[in-house]
Amino acid sequence: MILREIINNCIKRNQEVKSYLQSIDLDKRSPDQIIEELKSELPNFGYSISLQPKFSQLLQLLNGKMLIDEFDLEQIGELLATAIEIEEFNLDNIIEFAHYSWTVLDNEILARQTANNGIEKAKVAIKELESLIETMNIENQNAP
């Protein structure tokens, strides 16, 4: 397979994941209904890390005892922690982990640490973007 095909396959998968995420509508279906669907869809998407913030959010909103009995609440934290290790600048995962730490674990210290870490990550990203814009502005001023 040549790189063009690999890149196109990645783009296609990203579009499929985006489309699926947009179809998840909590106004029309309950978290329990969506989780039932996700149980079969996550493997189809290769357990995409892009779906995990929404998945962990929905797990925290479950009401059905049968579904709740299928996992341990600690697993949500592990899921989010490993996602953060892979994508350390993904604020969605950091926000979900902060919410989880505060509301599920009742651990305000961990929630605050996580939130502050997310704020620091966001500041780093903002500085990088501002630097890029500044570089573009300088180069545009020097262009003939």
N, C-alpha and C. Protein backbone atom coordinates (compact mmCIF):
# COMPACT_ATOMS: atom_id res chain seq x y z
N MET A 1 0.86 -1.18 0.00
CA MET A 1 0.00 0.00 0.00
C MET A 1 0.90 1.24 0.00
N ILE A 2 0.58 2.18 -0.85
CA ILE A 2 1.38 3.40 -0.90
C ILE A 2 0.84 4.42 0.10
N LEU A 3 1.68 5.40 0.42
CA LEU A 3 1.32 6.38 1.44
C LEU A 3 0.03 7.12 1.12
N ARG A 4 -0.22 7.42 -0.14
CA ARG A 4 -1.45 8.12 -0.53
C ARG A 4 -2.67 7.33 -0.06
N GLU A 5 -2.63 6.03 -0.24
CA GLU A 5 -3.76 5.19 0.17
C GLU A 5 -3.89 5.15 1.70
N ILE A 6 -2.78 5.08 2.38
CA ILE A 6 -2.81 5.06 3.84
C ILE A 6 -3.40 6.37 4.36
N ILE A 7 -2.93 7.47 3.81
CA ILE A 7 -3.46 8.78 4.22
C ILE A 7 -4.95 8.87 3.93
N ASN A 8 -5.37 8.45 2.76
CA ASN A 8 -6.80 8.47 2.41
C ASN A 8 -7.62 7.58 3.33
N ASN A 9 -7.07 6.43 3.72
CA ASN A 9 -7.77 5.54 4.65
C ASN A 9 -7.90 6.20 6.02
N CYS A 10 -6.85 6.90 6.45
CA CYS A 10 -6.93 7.61 7.74
C CYS A 10 -7.99 8.71 7.69
N ILE A 11 -8.01 9.45 6.59
CA ILE A 11 -9.01 10.51 6.43
C ILE A 11 -10.42 9.92 6.45
N LYS A 12 -10.59 8.82 5.74
CA LYS A 12 -11.91 8.17 5.69
C LYS A 12 -12.33 7.72 7.09
N ARG A 13 -11.41 7.12 7.84
CA ARG A 13 -11.74 6.67 9.20
C ARG A 13 -12.09 7.85 10.08
N ASN A 14 -11.32 8.94 9.98
CA ASN A 14 -11.62 10.14 10.76
C ASN A 14 -13.01 10.67 10.45
N GLN A 15 -13.38 10.67 9.18
CA GLN A 15 -14.71 11.14 8.78
C GLN A 15 -15.80 10.22 9.32
N GLU A 16 -15.54 8.92 9.32
CA GLU A 16 -16.52 7.96 9.87
C GLU A 16 -16.70 8.17 11.37
N VAL A 17 -15.61 8.37 12.08
CA VAL A 17 -15.68 8.60 13.52
C VAL A 17 -16.41 9.91 13.80
N LYS A 18 -16.07 10.95 13.05
CA LYS A 18 -16.73 12.25 13.22
C LYS A 18 -18.23 12.12 12.99
N SER A 19 -18.61 11.44 11.94
CA SER A 19 -20.02 11.24 11.62
C SER A 19 -20.72 10.48 12.75
N TYR A 20 -20.07 9.46 13.25
CA TYR A 20 -20.68 8.67 14.32
C TYR A 20 -20.83 9.53 15.58
N LEU A 21 -19.81 10.29 15.93
CA LEU A 21 -19.89 11.15 17.12
C LEU A 21 -21.04 12.15 16.98
N GLN A 22 -21.22 12.68 15.79
CA GLN A 22 -22.31 13.64 15.56
C GLN A 22 -23.68 12.98 15.68
N SER A 23 -23.74 11.66 15.48
CA SER A 23 -25.03 10.97 15.55
C SER A 23 -25.45 10.67 16.99
N ILE A 24 -24.53 10.81 17.93
CA ILE A 24 -24.85 10.53 19.33
C ILE A 24 -25.58 11.75 19.89
N ASP A 25 -26.86 11.59 20.12
CA ASP A 25 -27.70 12.71 20.53
C ASP A 25 -28.42 12.35 21.83
N LEU A 26 -27.96 12.95 22.92
CA LEU A 26 -28.56 12.67 24.23
C LEU A 26 -29.96 13.26 24.36
N ASP A 27 -30.35 14.14 23.46
CA ASP A 27 -31.70 14.69 23.51
C ASP A 27 -32.73 13.69 22.98
N LYS A 28 -32.27 12.75 22.14
CA LYS A 28 -33.18 11.80 21.52
C LYS A 28 -33.11 10.40 22.13
N ARG A 29 -31.97 10.09 22.76
CA ARG A 29 -31.80 8.75 23.34
C ARG A 29 -31.12 8.85 24.69
N SER A 30 -31.37 7.88 25.52
CA SER A 30 -30.76 7.86 26.85
C SER A 30 -29.32 7.36 26.76
N PRO A 31 -28.50 7.70 27.76
CA PRO A 31 -27.14 7.16 27.79
C PRO A 31 -27.13 5.63 27.72
N ASP A 32 -28.10 4.99 28.36
CA ASP A 32 -28.17 3.52 28.34
C ASP A 32 -28.36 3.00 26.90
N GLN A 33 -29.22 3.66 26.15
CA GLN A 33 -29.45 3.23 24.76
C GLN A 33 -28.19 3.44 23.91
N ILE A 34 -27.54 4.56 24.11
CA ILE A 34 -26.34 4.84 23.33
C ILE A 34 -25.21 3.88 23.69
N ILE A 35 -25.07 3.57 24.98
CA ILE A 35 -24.03 2.62 25.41
C ILE A 35 -24.29 1.24 24.81
N GLU A 36 -25.54 0.82 24.77
CA GLU A 36 -25.86 -0.48 24.14
C GLU A 36 -25.37 -0.49 22.69
N GLU A 37 -25.59 0.61 22.00
CA GLU A 37 -25.12 0.72 20.62
C GLU A 37 -23.59 0.74 20.55
N LEU A 38 -22.98 1.51 21.45
CA LEU A 38 -21.52 1.62 21.46
C LEU A 38 -20.83 0.29 21.76
N LYS A 39 -21.50 -0.56 22.50
CA LYS A 39 -20.92 -1.88 22.80
C LYS A 39 -20.59 -2.64 21.52
N SER A 40 -21.41 -2.46 20.50
CA SER A 40 -21.12 -3.13 19.22
C SER A 40 -20.34 -2.23 18.27
N GLU A 41 -20.47 -0.92 18.39
CA GLU A 41 -19.81 -0.01 17.46
C GLU A 41 -18.33 0.23 17.80
N LEU A 42 -17.97 0.27 19.07
CA LEU A 42 -16.57 0.52 19.43
C LEU A 42 -15.61 -0.48 18.77
N PRO A 43 -15.91 -1.79 18.80
CA PRO A 43 -15.00 -2.71 18.09
C PRO A 43 -14.92 -2.41 16.59
N ASN A 44 -16.04 -2.01 15.99
CA ASN A 44 -16.04 -1.67 14.56
C ASN A 44 -15.12 -0.49 14.25
N PHE A 45 -14.96 0.39 15.22
CA PHE A 45 -14.09 1.56 15.06
C PHE A 45 -12.70 1.31 15.65
N GLY A 46 -12.39 0.06 15.95
CA GLY A 46 -11.07 -0.26 16.49
C GLY A 46 -10.83 0.38 17.85
N TYR A 47 -11.89 0.54 18.62
CA TYR A 47 -11.81 1.17 19.94
C TYR A 47 -11.12 2.54 19.85
N SER A 48 -11.45 3.29 18.83
CA SER A 48 -10.81 4.57 18.53
C SER A 48 -10.73 5.46 19.77
N ILE A 49 -9.55 5.99 19.98
CA ILE A 49 -9.35 6.89 21.12
C ILE A 49 -10.22 8.15 20.98
N SER A 50 -10.61 8.47 19.77
CA SER A 50 -11.47 9.63 19.54
C SER A 50 -12.87 9.45 20.11
N LEU A 51 -13.29 8.21 20.28
CA LEU A 51 -14.63 7.93 20.83
C LEU A 51 -14.61 7.82 22.36
N GLN A 52 -13.43 7.71 22.95
CA GLN A 52 -13.36 7.42 24.37
C GLN A 52 -13.84 8.52 25.30
N PRO A 53 -13.61 9.82 24.99
CA PRO A 53 -14.18 10.82 25.90
C PRO A 53 -15.71 10.73 25.98
N LYS A 54 -16.37 10.58 24.84
CA LYS A 54 -17.84 10.46 24.83
C LYS A 54 -18.27 9.18 25.53
N PHE A 55 -17.55 8.08 25.26
CA PHE A 55 -17.85 6.79 25.88
C PHE A 55 -17.75 6.89 27.40
N SER A 56 -16.68 7.48 27.90
CA SER A 56 -16.51 7.59 29.36
C SER A 56 -17.56 8.51 29.97
N GLN A 57 -17.92 9.57 29.25
CA GLN A 57 -18.97 10.47 29.72
C GLN A 57 -20.29 9.71 29.85
N LEU A 58 -20.62 8.93 28.84
CA LEU A 58 -21.88 8.17 28.85
C LEU A 58 -21.88 7.11 29.95
N LEU A 59 -20.74 6.48 30.19
CA LEU A 59 -20.66 5.48 31.26
C LEU A 59 -21.03 6.10 32.61
N GLN A 60 -20.63 7.34 32.82
CA GLN A 60 -20.93 8.02 34.07
C GLN A 60 -22.39 8.41 34.21
N LEU A 61 -23.10 8.44 33.09
CA LEU A 61 -24.51 8.85 33.09
C LEU A 61 -25.50 7.68 33.10
N LEU A 62 -24.98 6.46 33.09
CA LEU A 62 -25.85 5.28 33.01
C LEU A 62 -26.81 5.20 34.18
N ASN A 63 -28.00 4.67 33.89
CA ASN A 63 -29.01 4.45 34.92
C ASN A 63 -29.36 2.97 35.08
N GLY A 64 -29.25 2.21 34.00
CA GLY A 64 -29.66 0.81 34.02
C GLY A 64 -28.73 -0.08 34.82
N LYS A 65 -29.27 -0.75 35.83
CA LYS A 65 -28.45 -1.58 36.71
C LYS A 65 -27.72 -2.68 35.94
N MET A 66 -28.36 -3.26 34.94
CA MET A 66 -27.74 -4.35 34.20
C MET A 66 -26.45 -3.86 33.53
N LEU A 67 -26.50 -2.67 32.95
CA LEU A 67 -25.30 -2.12 32.31
C LEU A 67 -24.25 -1.74 33.35
N ILE A 68 -24.69 -1.11 34.42
CA ILE A 68 -23.76 -0.68 35.47
C ILE A 68 -23.03 -1.88 36.06
N ASP A 69 -23.71 -3.01 36.16
CA ASP A 69 -23.09 -4.21 36.72
C ASP A 69 -22.05 -4.83 35.79
N GLU A 70 -21.97 -4.37 34.55
CA GLU A 70 -21.02 -4.93 33.59
C GLU A 70 -19.60 -4.39 33.74
N PHE A 71 -19.40 -3.37 34.58
CA PHE A 71 -18.06 -2.80 34.73
C PHE A 71 -17.90 -2.22 36.13
N ASP A 72 -16.64 -1.91 36.46
CA ASP A 72 -16.33 -1.25 37.73
C ASP A 72 -16.09 0.23 37.45
N LEU A 73 -16.56 1.09 38.32
CA LEU A 73 -16.39 2.53 38.12
C LEU A 73 -14.92 2.93 37.98
N GLU A 74 -14.04 2.18 38.65
CA GLU A 74 -12.61 2.49 38.56
C GLU A 74 -12.09 2.36 37.13
N GLN A 75 -12.74 1.51 36.34
CA GLN A 75 -12.31 1.32 34.96
C GLN A 75 -12.45 2.59 34.12
N ILE A 76 -13.43 3.43 34.46
CA ILE A 76 -13.58 4.69 33.74
C ILE A 76 -12.34 5.54 33.94
N GLY A 77 -11.87 5.59 35.18
CA GLY A 77 -10.66 6.35 35.48
C GLY A 77 -9.45 5.80 34.74
N GLU A 78 -9.33 4.48 34.71
CA GLU A 78 -8.22 3.85 33.99
C GLU A 78 -8.30 4.15 32.50
N LEU A 79 -9.50 4.09 31.95
CA LEU A 79 -9.71 4.38 30.53
C LEU A 79 -9.25 5.80 30.21
N LEU A 80 -9.68 6.74 31.02
CA LEU A 80 -9.31 8.14 30.78
C LEU A 80 -7.82 8.39 31.02
N ALA A 81 -7.28 7.79 32.07
CA ALA A 81 -5.86 7.98 32.38
C ALA A 81 -4.98 7.47 31.24
N THR A 82 -5.32 6.30 30.69
CA THR A 82 -4.51 5.78 29.58
C THR A 82 -4.69 6.62 28.32
N ALA A 83 -5.88 7.15 28.11
CA ALA A 83 -6.11 8.02 26.95
C ALA A 83 -5.29 9.31 27.09
N ILE A 84 -5.20 9.84 28.31
CA ILE A 84 -4.40 11.04 28.55
C ILE A 84 -2.92 10.75 28.33
N GLU A 85 -2.47 9.56 28.72
CA GLU A 85 -1.07 9.20 28.50
C GLU A 85 -0.74 9.19 27.01
N ILE A 86 -1.67 8.77 26.19
CA ILE A 86 -1.45 8.71 24.74
C ILE A 86 -1.59 10.08 24.10
N GLU A 87 -2.62 10.80 24.48
CA GLU A 87 -2.92 12.12 23.90
C GLU A 87 -2.92 13.15 25.02
N GLU A 88 -1.72 13.51 25.47
CA GLU A 88 -1.60 14.36 26.65
C GLU A 88 -2.17 15.77 26.49
N PHE A 89 -2.39 16.21 25.24
CA PHE A 89 -2.95 17.54 25.01
C PHE A 89 -4.42 17.48 24.63
N ASN A 90 -5.05 16.31 24.72
CA ASN A 90 -6.47 16.18 24.40
C ASN A 90 -7.28 16.66 25.60
N LEU A 91 -7.78 17.87 25.50
CA LEU A 91 -8.49 18.47 26.63
C LEU A 91 -9.80 17.76 26.95
N ASP A 92 -10.42 17.13 25.95
CA ASP A 92 -11.66 16.40 26.23
C ASP A 92 -11.42 15.30 27.26
N ASN A 93 -10.34 14.55 27.10
CA ASN A 93 -10.02 13.49 28.06
C ASN A 93 -9.70 14.07 29.43
N ILE A 94 -8.96 15.16 29.44
CA ILE A 94 -8.58 15.79 30.72
C ILE A 94 -9.82 16.31 31.44
N ILE A 95 -10.72 16.95 30.70
CA ILE A 95 -11.96 17.46 31.30
C ILE A 95 -12.79 16.31 31.86
N GLU A 96 -12.93 15.24 31.09
CA GLU A 96 -13.71 14.10 31.57
C GLU A 96 -13.08 13.47 32.81
N PHE A 97 -11.75 13.38 32.83
CA PHE A 97 -11.08 12.80 34.00
C PHE A 97 -11.26 13.70 35.23
N ALA A 98 -11.23 15.01 35.03
CA ALA A 98 -11.47 15.93 36.15
C ALA A 98 -12.90 15.77 36.67
N HIS A 99 -13.87 15.70 35.76
CA HIS A 99 -15.27 15.48 36.18
C HIS A 99 -15.40 14.15 36.92
N TYR A 100 -14.83 13.11 36.35
CA TYR A 100 -14.88 11.78 36.96
C TYR A 100 -14.27 11.81 38.36
N SER A 101 -13.11 12.44 38.48
CA SER A 101 -12.42 12.49 39.78
C SER A 101 -13.26 13.19 40.83
N TRP A 102 -13.94 14.24 40.41
CA TRP A 102 -14.73 15.02 41.35
C TRP A 102 -16.07 14.35 41.67
N THR A 103 -16.80 13.94 40.61
CA THR A 103 -18.16 13.46 40.83
C THR A 103 -18.25 11.98 41.19
N VAL A 104 -17.39 11.17 40.61
CA VAL A 104 -17.47 9.72 40.87
C VAL A 104 -16.57 9.33 42.03
N LEU A 105 -15.31 9.76 41.97
CA LEU A 105 -14.36 9.40 43.04
C LEU A 105 -14.51 10.28 44.27
N ASP A 106 -15.20 11.42 44.11
CA ASP A 106 -15.33 12.39 45.20
C ASP A 106 -13.95 12.82 45.70
N ASN A 107 -13.02 13.02 44.75
CA ASN A 107 -11.64 13.37 45.06
C ASN A 107 -11.36 14.76 44.49
N GLU A 108 -11.66 15.76 45.30
CA GLU A 108 -11.51 17.14 44.85
C GLU A 108 -10.05 17.48 44.55
N ILE A 109 -9.13 16.93 45.32
CA ILE A 109 -7.71 17.22 45.10
C ILE A 109 -7.28 16.73 43.72
N LEU A 110 -7.62 15.49 43.39
CA LEU A 110 -7.27 14.94 42.07
C LEU A 110 -7.98 15.71 40.96
N ALA A 111 -9.24 16.07 41.19
CA ALA A 111 -9.98 16.83 40.18
C ALA A 111 -9.32 18.18 39.92
N ARG A 112 -8.92 18.85 40.98
CA ARG A 112 -8.25 20.15 40.83
C ARG A 112 -6.89 20.00 40.14
N GLN A 113 -6.13 18.97 40.53
CA GLN A 113 -4.83 18.73 39.89
C GLN A 113 -5.02 18.47 38.39
N THR A 114 -6.01 17.67 38.07
CA THR A 114 -6.29 17.35 36.66
C THR A 114 -6.72 18.59 35.90
N ALA A 115 -7.60 19.38 36.49
CA ALA A 115 -8.06 20.61 35.84
C ALA A 115 -6.91 21.58 35.64
N ASN A 116 -6.08 21.75 36.66
CA ASN A 116 -4.93 22.65 36.53
C ASN A 116 -3.94 22.15 35.49
N ASN A 117 -3.73 20.84 35.42
CA ASN A 117 -2.87 20.26 34.40
C ASN A 117 -3.44 20.56 33.01
N GLY A 118 -4.75 20.42 32.86
CA GLY A 118 -5.40 20.73 31.59
C GLY A 118 -5.23 22.19 31.20
N ILE A 119 -5.35 23.07 32.18
CA ILE A 119 -5.16 24.50 31.92
C ILE A 119 -3.74 24.76 31.45
N GLU A 120 -2.76 24.13 32.09
CA GLU A 120 -1.36 24.31 31.68
C GLU A 120 -1.13 23.78 30.27
N LYS A 121 -1.72 22.63 29.95
CA LYS A 121 -1.60 22.07 28.59
C LYS A 121 -2.22 23.03 27.58
N ALA A 122 -3.35 23.60 27.92
CA ALA A 122 -4.02 24.54 27.02
C ALA A 122 -3.16 25.78 26.81
N LYS A 123 -2.52 26.27 27.88
CA LYS A 123 -1.66 27.45 27.76
C LYS A 123 -0.48 27.16 26.83
N VAL A 124 0.11 25.98 26.93
CA VAL A 124 1.22 25.60 26.05
C VAL A 124 0.75 25.60 24.60
N ALA A 125 -0.41 25.02 24.35
CA ALA A 125 -0.94 24.97 22.99
C ALA A 125 -1.24 26.37 22.47
N ILE A 126 -1.79 27.22 23.32
CA ILE A 126 -2.10 28.60 22.92
C ILE A 126 -0.81 29.35 22.57
N LYS A 127 0.22 29.18 23.40
CA LYS A 127 1.50 29.84 23.11
C LYS A 127 2.07 29.38 21.77
N GLU A 128 1.96 28.11 21.49
CA GLU A 128 2.46 27.59 20.22
C GLU A 128 1.70 28.18 19.04
N LEU A 129 0.39 28.28 19.18
CA LEU A 129 -0.42 28.87 18.11
C LEU A 129 -0.12 30.36 17.94
N GLU A 130 0.02 31.06 19.06
CA GLU A 130 0.36 32.49 18.98
C GLU A 130 1.72 32.70 18.32
N SER A 131 2.67 31.83 18.62
CA SER A 131 3.99 31.91 18.01
C SER A 131 3.91 31.69 16.50
N LEU A 132 3.09 30.74 16.10
CA LEU A 132 2.91 30.49 14.67
C LEU A 132 2.33 31.72 13.97
N ILE A 133 1.31 32.31 14.57
CA ILE A 133 0.69 33.51 13.99
C ILE A 133 1.71 34.65 13.92
N GLU A 134 2.51 34.81 14.97
CA GLU A 134 3.53 35.85 14.97
C GLU A 134 4.55 35.62 13.85
N THR A 135 4.95 34.39 13.65
CA THR A 135 5.89 34.06 12.58
C THR A 135 5.28 34.38 11.21
N MET A 136 4.03 34.02 11.02
CA MET A 136 3.36 34.33 9.76
C MET A 136 3.28 35.84 9.54
N ASN A 137 2.97 36.58 10.60
CA ASN A 137 2.89 38.05 10.48
C ASN A 137 4.23 38.65 10.08
N ILE A 138 5.30 38.16 10.69
CA ILE A 138 6.64 38.66 10.37
C ILE A 138 6.99 38.32 8.92
N GLU A 139 6.72 37.10 8.53
CA GLU A 139 7.05 36.71 7.15
C GLU A 139 6.21 37.49 6.13
N ASN A 140 4.98 37.77 6.45
CA ASN A 140 4.14 38.57 5.54
C ASN A 140 4.64 40.01 5.42
N GLN A 141 5.17 40.56 6.51
CA GLN A 141 5.71 41.92 6.47
C GLN A 141 6.98 41.99 5.63
N ASN A 142 7.75 40.90 5.61
CA ASN A 142 9.01 40.86 4.87
C ASN A 142 8.83 40.40 3.43
N ALA A 143 7.65 39.96 3.07
CA ALA A 143 7.40 39.50 1.69
C ALA A 143 7.38 40.69 0.74
N PRO A 144 7.90 40.48 -0.50
CA PRO A 144 7.89 41.59 -1.48
C PRO A 144 6.50 41.97 -1.92
